[in-house]
Amino acid sequence: MDVTDSSSHSSESGRGRPGARQEYKCPIRDVLDRVGDAWSVLVVSNLAEGPTRFNELKRRVEGISQRMLTVTLRHLERDGLVSRTVLPTTPPQVEYALTELGHSLCGPLDVLSGWATANQPLIRASRERYDGEAGELTGGE
């Protein structure tokens, strides 16, 4: 498995679209750049329930700002994981849905989510032990 950091820069044009992005030869690094982003994971998980309008999605993804949701959706759309449909209403409304590729990501995310849920107490306990020991080593700073 080649995980070297052979990167080059590319940019894309278009107003309101994601700007210059890092492009990696390593597929793991290239894909994890998107799916390793916490907001992207939460958005994809919410869209797995079905097509959703922007404001409903914003309510479901706790703590996300309007700007961050917009940026995240644009990145996911650019990567082919999400589709954007303008509904013929007055005023126009926009609906987002997972593409076939986006749905194929749900299985791995479910596995990761299950692992995180099952292991969160162990990880928190380990952090507390580590932080306590680190405090003892530095004199309680």
Protein backbone atom coordinates (compact mmCIF):
# COMPACT_ATOMS: atom_id res chain seq x y z
CA MET A 1 0.00 0.00 0.00
CA ASP A 2 1.58 3.26 -1.17
CA VAL A 3 0.79 6.17 1.15
CA THR A 4 3.51 8.54 0.05
CA ASP A 5 2.80 12.25 -0.08
CA SER A 6 3.32 12.96 -3.75
CA SER A 7 1.18 16.02 -4.19
CA SER A 8 0.60 18.75 -6.68
CA HIS A 9 -1.71 21.71 -6.61
CA SER A 10 -4.65 22.30 -8.87
CA SER A 11 -7.30 24.92 -8.85
CA GLU A 12 -10.78 25.14 -10.15
CA SER A 13 -12.62 28.15 -11.37
CA GLY A 14 -16.18 29.13 -10.76
CA ARG A 15 -17.63 31.65 -8.42
CA GLY A 16 -18.80 30.21 -5.12
CA ARG A 17 -17.15 26.87 -5.77
CA PRO A 18 -14.40 25.30 -3.70
CA GLY A 19 -11.09 26.96 -4.45
CA ALA A 20 -7.63 25.54 -4.91
CA ARG A 21 -7.47 22.01 -3.64
CA GLN A 22 -4.65 19.63 -2.88
CA GLU A 23 -4.53 16.70 -5.32
CA TYR A 24 -2.73 13.56 -4.17
CA LYS A 25 -1.43 10.63 -6.16
CA CYS A 26 -2.17 8.46 -3.14
CA PRO A 27 -5.86 7.47 -3.30
CA ILE A 28 -6.08 6.98 0.46
CA ARG A 29 -4.91 10.49 1.21
CA ASP A 30 -7.00 11.98 -1.61
CA VAL A 31 -10.25 10.41 -0.43
CA LEU A 32 -9.62 10.79 3.31
CA ASP A 33 -9.20 14.52 2.72
CA ARG A 34 -12.95 14.58 2.17
CA VAL A 35 -14.44 11.72 4.15
CA GLY A 36 -12.13 12.33 7.12
CA ASP A 37 -13.70 15.75 7.63
CA ALA A 38 -16.13 15.63 10.57
CA TRP A 39 -18.71 17.88 8.91
CA SER A 40 -18.71 15.77 5.75
CA VAL A 41 -19.29 12.60 7.76
CA LEU A 42 -22.22 14.19 9.60
CA VAL A 43 -23.75 15.59 6.42
CA VAL A 44 -23.45 12.27 4.56
CA SER A 45 -24.91 10.41 7.55
CA ASN A 46 -27.90 12.76 7.63
CA LEU A 47 -28.46 12.58 3.88
CA ALA A 48 -28.51 8.78 4.12
CA GLU A 49 -32.04 9.22 5.49
CA GLY A 50 -33.14 10.73 2.17
CA PRO A 51 -33.13 13.99 0.19
CA THR A 52 -33.10 17.02 2.47
CA ARG A 53 -33.46 20.76 2.02
CA PHE A 54 -30.65 23.02 3.19
CA ASN A 55 -32.35 24.47 6.29
CA GLU A 56 -33.52 21.06 7.49
CA LEU A 57 -30.00 19.71 7.08
CA LYS A 58 -28.63 22.69 9.02
CA ARG A 59 -31.03 21.90 11.89
CA ARG A 60 -30.00 18.24 11.90
CA VAL A 61 -26.23 18.81 11.91
CA GLU A 62 -25.73 20.23 15.36
CA GLY A 63 -23.23 23.08 15.60
CA ILE A 64 -22.61 23.64 11.89
CA SER A 65 -22.75 27.21 10.63
CA GLN A 66 -24.57 28.14 7.45
CA ARG A 67 -21.28 28.97 5.76
CA MET A 68 -19.63 25.69 6.79
CA LEU A 69 -22.64 23.69 5.62
CA THR A 70 -22.52 25.48 2.26
CA VAL A 71 -18.79 24.79 1.87
CA THR A 72 -19.18 21.16 2.94
CA LEU A 73 -22.05 20.54 0.53
CA ARG A 74 -20.09 22.11 -2.34
CA HIS A 75 -17.10 19.88 -1.62
CA LEU A 76 -19.29 16.79 -1.43
CA GLU A 77 -21.01 17.77 -4.67
CA ARG A 78 -17.65 18.34 -6.35
CA ASP A 79 -16.49 14.89 -5.25
CA GLY A 80 -19.65 13.29 -6.66
CA LEU A 81 -21.06 12.22 -3.29
CA VAL A 82 -24.01 14.64 -3.20
CA SER A 83 -26.39 15.99 -5.82
CA ARG A 84 -28.06 19.40 -5.65
CA THR A 85 -31.54 19.97 -7.08
CA VAL A 86 -33.26 23.35 -7.31
CA LEU A 87 -36.97 22.79 -6.69
CA PRO A 88 -39.43 24.76 -8.87
CA THR A 89 -41.04 26.66 -6.00
CA THR A 90 -41.42 30.33 -5.17
CA PRO A 91 -39.00 31.16 -3.71
CA PRO A 92 -36.79 28.42 -5.13
CA GLN A 93 -35.68 25.79 -2.64
CA VAL A 94 -32.66 23.55 -2.90
CA GLU A 95 -32.63 19.88 -2.00
CA TYR A 96 -29.55 17.75 -1.45
CA ALA A 97 -29.33 13.99 -1.84
CA LEU A 98 -26.66 11.33 -1.82
CA THR A 99 -25.58 10.04 -5.21
CA GLU A 100 -24.96 6.34 -5.79
CA LEU A 101 -21.33 6.97 -4.85
CA GLY A 102 -22.44 8.79 -1.71
CA HIS A 103 -24.68 5.88 -0.70
CA SER A 104 -21.74 3.50 -1.17
CA LEU A 105 -19.91 5.46 1.55
CA CYS A 106 -22.67 4.84 4.12
CA GLY A 107 -21.61 1.25 4.88
CA PRO A 108 -18.03 2.13 5.82
CA LEU A 109 -19.27 5.16 7.80
CA ASP A 110 -21.73 2.93 9.70
CA VAL A 111 -18.86 0.61 10.65
CA LEU A 112 -16.73 3.57 11.79
CA SER A 113 -19.66 5.06 13.70
CA GLY A 114 -20.30 1.76 15.46
CA TRP A 115 -16.64 1.44 16.37
CA ALA A 116 -16.55 5.02 17.70
CA THR A 117 -19.71 4.50 19.77
CA ALA A 118 -18.47 1.20 21.21
CA ASN A 119 -15.00 2.51 22.03
CA GLN A 120 -15.67 6.10 23.12
CA PRO A 121 -15.73 5.22 26.86
CA LEU A 122 -12.38 3.43 26.56
CA ILE A 123 -10.85 6.31 24.63
CA ARG A 124 -12.12 8.88 27.14
CA ALA A 125 -10.75 6.83 30.05
CA SER A 126 -7.39 6.53 28.28
CA ARG A 127 -7.30 10.30 27.72
CA GLU A 128 -8.04 10.96 31.37
CA ARG A 129 -5.26 8.58 32.46
CA TYR A 130 -2.82 10.12 29.99
CA ASP A 131 -3.71 13.68 30.98
CA GLY A 132 -3.37 12.78 34.67
CA GLU A 133 0.02 11.18 34.14
CA ALA A 134 1.20 14.08 31.97
CA GLY A 135 0.16 16.50 34.72
CA GLU A 136 2.11 14.49 37.31
CA LEU A 137 5.23 14.48 35.11
CA THR A 138 5.14 18.25 34.60
CA GLY A 139 4.39 19.07 38.21
CA GLY A 140 0.65 19.57 37.71
CA GLU A 141 0.87 22.37 35.16
